[in-house]
Amino acid sequence: MIMKNLKLLSLLFIGLLSFNVQAQQAPNKMSVFQDSLIKISTATVTALSDNEKLESNGRFVKLLVEALKTPNSFAYPFDSLKNVSIIKSTDQAFRTLTWYVQLENGSYRYYGTIQMNTKNGPLKLYPLIDQTENMNDPNVVTNNQKWFGARYYEIIPVTSGNRLPYYVLLGWKGNTQATTKKVIEILSFDKDNVTFGAPVFDGKELKGKNRVIFEYAKSNAMMLKTDVKAGMIVFDHLGSFDPEIKGKPEFYGSDGTFDGFKIIGGKLKLQEELTLNNEANSNDELYADPKKNIKPIRKF
């Protein structure tokens, strides 16, 4: 009986040891992948010609997919891979991995994927194919195969009643040598389909808008972020440096005022002429303008 128990304990110990070794191997394997990805990413940025950059980026894409094939790779943060923006939704449903390659003429090509958080850890990806150059209408509703490329840095989930939930993505979009863009993109999932763009914006001149695109002078910066305390997405109001020059974004920049979107009934309701207590930075708090009877909700 004692021998039998000892044998059982030995088998249990060996099993636990084997499990621990396997658990350690996965992170180590991912670390090796990350180190290789960092090298290729650096080579892409420092390449001297567009052909070299795109060839290097092609190798990067191939290796990244191999890395993500590792079981439970969704949990690995790739936090040392600085050239790729990796943002996870707060509901842990998915994450976006997005980056860009800047070309010699000052334009940008965007790359990325959506990785779903699957129950058992198998890989489920939606590759993002940048088709910005082929979009005659940047307001069109698209899918992952026809993506209005951007480097995303925030994801805000929105739910309302019986509607399918959707996500608001905030993204940076380097454009040309003269202008930069930022975008408020709408992402939704329906079974195995991904949709970008939806008419959820409510406000002046926003009827029929499926995404909001800001364009301004490359020499300037623009704030576009969430303010959790106010329950809003807040942003700089853009205006022309010269009142006589309109419709030319290369002359646009922040005019010192702020607008925002508040989520009401599943819509993004425009709020204008907001008052920030200090200069726009990560510590700003958004206050309601009593004249406009703005009562910010406290969470998304």
Protein backbone atom coordinates (compact mmCIF):
# COMPACT_ATOMS: atom_id res chain seq x y z
CA MET A 1 0.00 0.00 0.00
CA ILE A 2 2.81 2.38 0.95
CA MET A 3 4.67 1.53 -2.25
CA LYS A 4 1.51 2.17 -4.25
CA ASN A 5 1.06 5.60 -2.65
CA LEU A 6 4.70 6.47 -3.24
CA LYS A 7 4.36 5.53 -6.88
CA LEU A 8 1.26 7.73 -7.17
CA LEU A 9 3.05 10.67 -5.55
CA SER A 10 6.01 10.19 -7.87
CA LEU A 11 3.77 10.27 -10.94
CA LEU A 12 2.00 13.36 -9.60
CA PHE A 13 5.34 15.10 -8.97
CA ILE A 14 6.59 14.26 -12.47
CA GLY A 15 3.33 15.52 -13.94
CA LEU A 16 3.56 18.82 -12.07
CA LEU A 17 7.21 19.21 -13.05
CA SER A 18 6.34 18.62 -16.69
CA PHE A 19 3.53 21.20 -16.48
CA ASN A 20 5.85 23.81 -14.96
CA VAL A 21 8.47 23.23 -17.66
CA GLN A 22 5.84 23.66 -20.39
CA ALA A 23 4.51 26.82 -18.69
CA GLN A 24 8.02 28.28 -18.63
CA GLN A 25 8.78 27.29 -22.21
CA ALA A 26 5.93 29.34 -23.72
CA PRO A 27 7.04 32.73 -22.29
CA ASN A 28 10.66 31.93 -23.18
CA LYS A 29 9.62 31.08 -26.74
CA MET A 30 7.65 34.33 -26.99
CA SER A 31 10.63 36.30 -25.65
CA VAL A 32 12.80 34.83 -28.41
CA PHE A 33 10.17 35.83 -30.97
CA GLN A 34 10.02 39.33 -29.51
CA ASP A 35 13.80 39.79 -29.68
CA SER A 36 13.79 38.79 -33.36
CA LEU A 37 10.84 41.07 -34.09
CA ILE A 38 12.61 44.02 -32.48
CA LYS A 39 15.64 43.49 -34.72
CA ILE A 40 13.55 43.30 -37.89
CA SER A 41 11.46 46.31 -36.85
CA THR A 42 14.60 48.37 -36.25
CA ALA A 43 15.99 47.28 -39.62
CA THR A 44 12.73 48.36 -41.28
CA VAL A 45 12.90 51.85 -39.79
CA THR A 46 16.58 52.36 -40.64
CA ALA A 47 16.44 50.91 -44.19
CA LEU A 48 17.62 53.38 -46.83
CA SER A 49 15.12 52.66 -49.60
CA ASP A 50 11.40 51.94 -49.84
CA ASN A 51 12.07 48.50 -51.34
CA GLU A 52 14.31 47.56 -48.41
CA LYS A 53 11.74 48.87 -45.90
CA LEU A 54 8.87 46.94 -47.47
CA GLU A 55 10.90 43.74 -47.81
CA SER A 56 11.97 43.98 -44.17
CA ASN A 57 8.40 44.71 -43.10
CA GLY A 58 7.25 41.63 -45.03
CA ARG A 59 9.62 39.51 -42.93
CA PHE A 60 8.29 41.20 -39.81
CA VAL A 61 4.68 40.34 -40.70
CA LYS A 62 5.56 36.71 -41.38
CA LEU A 63 7.41 36.30 -38.08
CA LEU A 64 4.71 38.09 -36.10
CA VAL A 65 2.09 35.67 -37.39
CA GLU A 66 4.35 32.75 -36.43
CA ALA A 67 4.70 34.22 -32.93
CA LEU A 68 0.95 34.68 -32.56
CA LYS A 69 0.39 31.03 -33.52
CA THR A 70 1.90 30.08 -30.17
CA PRO A 71 -0.94 28.82 -27.93
CA ASN A 72 -2.28 31.54 -25.59
CA SER A 73 -0.15 34.21 -27.27
CA PHE A 74 -2.96 36.69 -26.53
CA ALA A 75 -1.59 36.96 -23.00
CA TYR A 76 1.91 37.92 -24.12
CA PRO A 77 2.25 41.75 -24.08
CA PHE A 78 5.15 42.28 -26.52
CA ASP A 79 5.90 45.28 -24.30
CA SER A 80 9.43 45.74 -25.65
CA LEU A 81 8.22 45.98 -29.25
CA LYS A 82 8.00 49.77 -29.25
CA ASN A 83 7.29 50.35 -32.94
CA VAL A 84 4.00 48.45 -32.72
CA SER A 85 1.02 49.85 -30.85
CA ILE A 86 -0.68 46.97 -29.00
CA ILE A 87 -3.98 47.92 -27.39
CA LYS A 88 -6.28 45.47 -25.61
CA SER A 89 -10.00 46.14 -25.24
CA THR A 90 -11.08 46.60 -21.61
CA ASP A 91 -13.51 43.68 -21.93
CA GLN A 92 -10.56 41.47 -22.96
CA ALA A 93 -12.39 40.45 -26.16
CA PHE A 94 -9.56 41.35 -28.56
CA ARG A 95 -6.48 43.44 -29.10
CA THR A 96 -5.21 45.50 -32.02
CA LEU A 97 -1.61 45.43 -33.20
CA THR A 98 -0.93 48.33 -35.57
CA TRP A 99 2.12 50.05 -37.00
CA TYR A 100 3.29 51.97 -40.05
CA VAL A 101 6.13 52.25 -42.54
CA GLN A 102 7.09 55.78 -43.59
CA LEU A 103 8.13 56.02 -47.23
CA GLU A 104 10.70 58.28 -48.88
CA ASN A 105 8.07 60.69 -50.22
CA GLY A 106 6.77 61.36 -46.70
CA SER A 107 3.66 59.17 -47.02
CA TYR A 108 2.77 56.23 -44.79
CA ARG A 109 1.60 52.66 -45.18
CA TYR A 110 -0.22 51.05 -42.30
CA TYR A 111 -0.19 47.45 -41.15
CA GLY A 112 -1.96 45.57 -38.43
CA THR A 113 -4.16 42.79 -37.21
CA ILE A 114 -6.96 42.16 -34.74
CA GLN A 115 -6.27 39.21 -32.46
CA MET A 116 -9.32 37.70 -30.77
CA ASN A 117 -9.17 36.29 -27.25
CA THR A 118 -10.28 32.70 -27.88
CA LYS A 119 -11.40 30.34 -25.11
CA ASN A 120 -8.76 27.66 -25.55
CA GLY A 121 -5.98 29.85 -26.92
CA PRO A 122 -6.04 28.93 -30.66
CA LEU A 123 -5.16 31.73 -33.05
CA LYS A 124 -7.94 33.84 -34.53
CA LEU A 125 -6.73 36.86 -36.50
CA TYR A 126 -8.30 39.46 -38.74
CA PRO A 127 -5.46 40.91 -40.86
CA LEU A 128 -5.84 44.64 -41.54
CA ILE A 129 -5.15 45.60 -45.17
CA ASP A 130 -4.55 49.32 -45.64
CA GLN A 131 -6.55 50.54 -48.63
CA THR A 132 -6.42 54.27 -47.88
CA GLU A 133 -4.99 55.09 -51.32
CA ASN A 134 -7.84 53.25 -53.05
CA MET A 135 -10.67 54.84 -51.08
CA ASN A 136 -12.37 57.52 -53.14
CA ASP A 137 -14.69 58.13 -50.20
CA PRO A 138 -12.97 58.01 -46.77
CA ASN A 139 -16.42 57.87 -45.13
CA VAL A 140 -17.32 54.47 -46.61
CA VAL A 141 -18.14 51.52 -44.32
CA THR A 142 -15.45 48.89 -44.82
CA ASN A 143 -14.03 45.65 -43.42
CA ASN A 144 -10.60 44.39 -42.41
CA GLN A 145 -9.70 43.77 -46.05
CA LYS A 146 -10.35 47.41 -46.93
CA TRP A 147 -8.99 49.25 -43.91
CA PHE A 148 -8.60 53.01 -43.41
CA GLY A 149 -5.15 52.50 -41.89
CA ALA A 150 -4.11 54.09 -38.59
CA ARG A 151 -1.97 53.41 -35.54
CA TYR A 152 -4.51 52.93 -32.76
CA TYR A 153 -3.78 54.03 -29.21
CA GLU A 154 -7.15 53.79 -27.41
CA ILE A 155 -10.18 51.49 -27.48
CA ILE A 156 -13.51 52.44 -25.87
CA PRO A 157 -16.31 49.83 -25.71
CA VAL A 158 -19.90 51.02 -26.19
CA THR A 159 -23.03 49.05 -25.33
CA SER A 160 -26.64 50.20 -25.54
CA GLY A 161 -29.78 48.16 -25.01
CA ASN A 162 -30.23 45.24 -27.38
CA ARG A 163 -27.88 46.63 -30.01
CA LEU A 164 -24.70 44.81 -30.87
CA PRO A 165 -21.83 46.43 -28.94
CA TYR A 166 -19.23 48.40 -30.84
CA TYR A 167 -15.84 49.89 -30.10
CA VAL A 168 -14.50 53.39 -30.62
CA LEU A 169 -10.87 53.35 -31.78
CA LEU A 170 -8.70 56.45 -31.54
CA GLY A 171 -5.84 56.46 -34.01
CA TRP A 172 -2.91 58.50 -35.28
CA LYS A 173 -2.53 58.66 -39.04
CA GLY A 174 0.60 60.27 -40.44
CA ASN A 175 -0.44 61.48 -43.85
CA THR A 176 1.94 63.51 -46.03
CA GLN A 177 4.90 65.85 -45.67
CA ALA A 178 2.39 68.67 -45.09
CA THR A 179 -0.36 67.21 -42.88
CA THR A 180 -1.12 64.69 -40.15
CA LYS A 181 -4.46 63.05 -39.44
CA LYS A 182 -6.17 61.57 -36.43
CA VAL A 183 -9.23 59.37 -36.66
CA ILE A 184 -12.17 58.26 -34.55
CA GLU A 185 -12.95 54.84 -36.01
CA ILE A 186 -15.91 52.59 -35.22
CA LEU A 187 -15.28 48.83 -35.01
CA SER A 188 -17.95 46.15 -34.68
CA PHE A 189 -18.11 42.36 -34.88
CA ASP A 190 -20.98 40.24 -36.18
CA LYS A 191 -20.21 36.53 -36.00
CA ASP A 192 -17.06 36.17 -38.14
CA ASN A 193 -17.35 39.55 -39.83
CA VAL A 194 -15.48 42.73 -38.95
CA THR A 195 -16.91 46.14 -39.84
CA PHE A 196 -15.20 49.52 -39.74
CA GLY A 197 -17.42 52.59 -39.70
CA ALA A 198 -20.98 53.23 -38.51
CA PRO A 199 -23.31 56.26 -38.39
CA VAL A 200 -23.13 56.69 -34.60
CA PHE A 201 -22.09 60.36 -34.57
CA ASP A 202 -24.64 62.97 -33.56
CA GLY A 203 -24.08 66.69 -33.94
CA LYS A 204 -23.54 69.59 -36.26
CA GLU A 205 -22.43 68.50 -39.74
CA LEU A 206 -22.08 64.90 -38.53
CA LYS A 207 -25.19 63.35 -40.08
CA GLY A 208 -24.19 60.26 -42.05
CA LYS A 209 -20.61 60.27 -40.76
CA ASN A 210 -19.26 56.74 -40.33
CA ARG A 211 -15.90 57.88 -38.95
CA VAL A 212 -14.46 61.26 -37.98
CA ILE A 213 -11.16 62.33 -39.54
CA PHE A 214 -9.14 65.31 -38.37
CA GLU A 215 -6.41 66.78 -40.58
CA TYR A 216 -3.97 69.49 -39.52
CA ALA A 217 -0.51 70.93 -40.18
CA LYS A 218 2.28 68.42 -39.69
CA SER A 219 4.22 70.94 -37.58
CA ASN A 220 1.42 70.94 -34.98
CA ALA A 221 0.04 68.49 -32.45
CA MET A 222 -3.57 67.64 -31.72
CA MET A 223 -5.08 66.21 -28.53
CA LEU A 224 -7.58 63.39 -29.00
CA LYS A 225 -8.13 61.22 -25.92
CA THR A 226 -10.65 59.94 -23.40
CA ASP A 227 -11.37 61.81 -20.20
CA VAL A 228 -12.67 59.10 -17.90
CA LYS A 229 -13.84 61.45 -15.14
CA ALA A 230 -16.04 63.34 -17.57
CA GLY A 231 -17.01 60.26 -19.55
CA MET A 232 -16.06 61.92 -22.81
CA ILE A 233 -13.69 61.76 -25.72
CA VAL A 234 -12.14 65.23 -25.80
CA PHE A 235 -10.14 66.89 -28.57
CA ASP A 236 -8.66 70.17 -29.76
CA HIS A 237 -10.86 72.24 -32.01
CA LEU A 238 -8.96 72.85 -35.24
CA GLY A 239 -8.95 76.17 -37.01
CA SER A 240 -6.96 77.98 -39.69
CA PHE A 241 -3.99 80.08 -38.61
CA ASP A 242 -5.19 82.67 -41.09
CA PRO A 243 -8.96 83.42 -41.02
CA GLU A 244 -8.83 84.10 -44.75
CA ILE A 245 -7.47 80.61 -45.51
CA LYS A 246 -10.12 77.92 -45.19
CA GLY A 247 -10.28 74.37 -46.46
CA LYS A 248 -6.50 73.93 -46.48
CA PRO A 249 -5.56 71.59 -43.60
CA GLU A 250 -1.84 72.33 -43.98
CA PHE A 251 -2.68 75.67 -42.31
CA TYR A 252 -4.81 74.13 -39.53
CA GLY A 253 -3.98 73.70 -35.87
CA SER A 254 -5.56 73.94 -32.43
CA ASP A 255 -7.31 77.26 -31.88
CA GLY A 256 -7.18 76.91 -28.09
CA THR A 257 -10.73 75.61 -27.64
CA PHE A 258 -11.95 72.08 -27.01
CA ASP A 259 -14.81 69.88 -28.15
CA GLY A 260 -15.83 66.37 -27.20
CA PHE A 261 -18.08 63.38 -27.74
CA LYS A 262 -20.28 62.09 -24.95
CA ILE A 263 -21.85 58.64 -25.25
CA ILE A 264 -25.63 58.95 -24.96
CA GLY A 265 -27.97 56.13 -25.92
CA GLY A 266 -25.27 54.37 -27.90
CA LYS A 267 -24.47 57.50 -29.94
CA LEU A 268 -21.48 59.83 -29.84
CA LYS A 269 -23.07 63.19 -29.10
CA LEU A 270 -20.96 66.22 -30.00
CA GLN A 271 -20.28 68.68 -27.14
CA GLU A 272 -18.77 71.99 -28.22
CA GLU A 273 -16.73 74.70 -26.48
CA LEU A 274 -15.76 72.65 -23.46
CA THR A 275 -13.65 74.21 -20.73
CA LEU A 276 -10.48 72.51 -19.56
CA ASN A 277 -9.00 73.70 -16.30
CA ASN A 278 -5.39 73.64 -17.54
CA GLU A 279 -3.39 73.05 -20.67
CA ALA A 280 -4.25 69.80 -22.39
CA ASN A 281 -2.24 67.01 -20.81
CA SER A 282 -2.69 63.63 -19.20
CA ASN A 283 -3.76 65.21 -15.90
CA ASP A 284 -6.52 67.40 -17.33
CA GLU A 285 -9.99 67.28 -15.83
CA LEU A 286 -12.97 68.20 -17.94
CA TYR A 287 -15.59 70.50 -16.44
CA ALA A 288 -19.13 71.06 -17.66
CA ASP A 289 -20.12 74.43 -19.09
CA PRO A 290 -23.20 75.40 -17.02
CA LYS A 291 -24.40 77.64 -19.85
CA LYS A 292 -24.74 74.59 -22.03
CA ASN A 293 -26.12 72.41 -19.21
CA ILE A 294 -23.49 69.75 -19.91
CA LYS A 295 -23.64 66.99 -17.31
CA PRO A 296 -20.93 64.50 -18.23
CA ILE A 297 -21.63 60.87 -17.52
CA ARG A 298 -19.06 59.23 -15.32
CA LYS A 299 -18.19 56.17 -17.31
CA PHE A 300 -18.44 54.77 -20.80
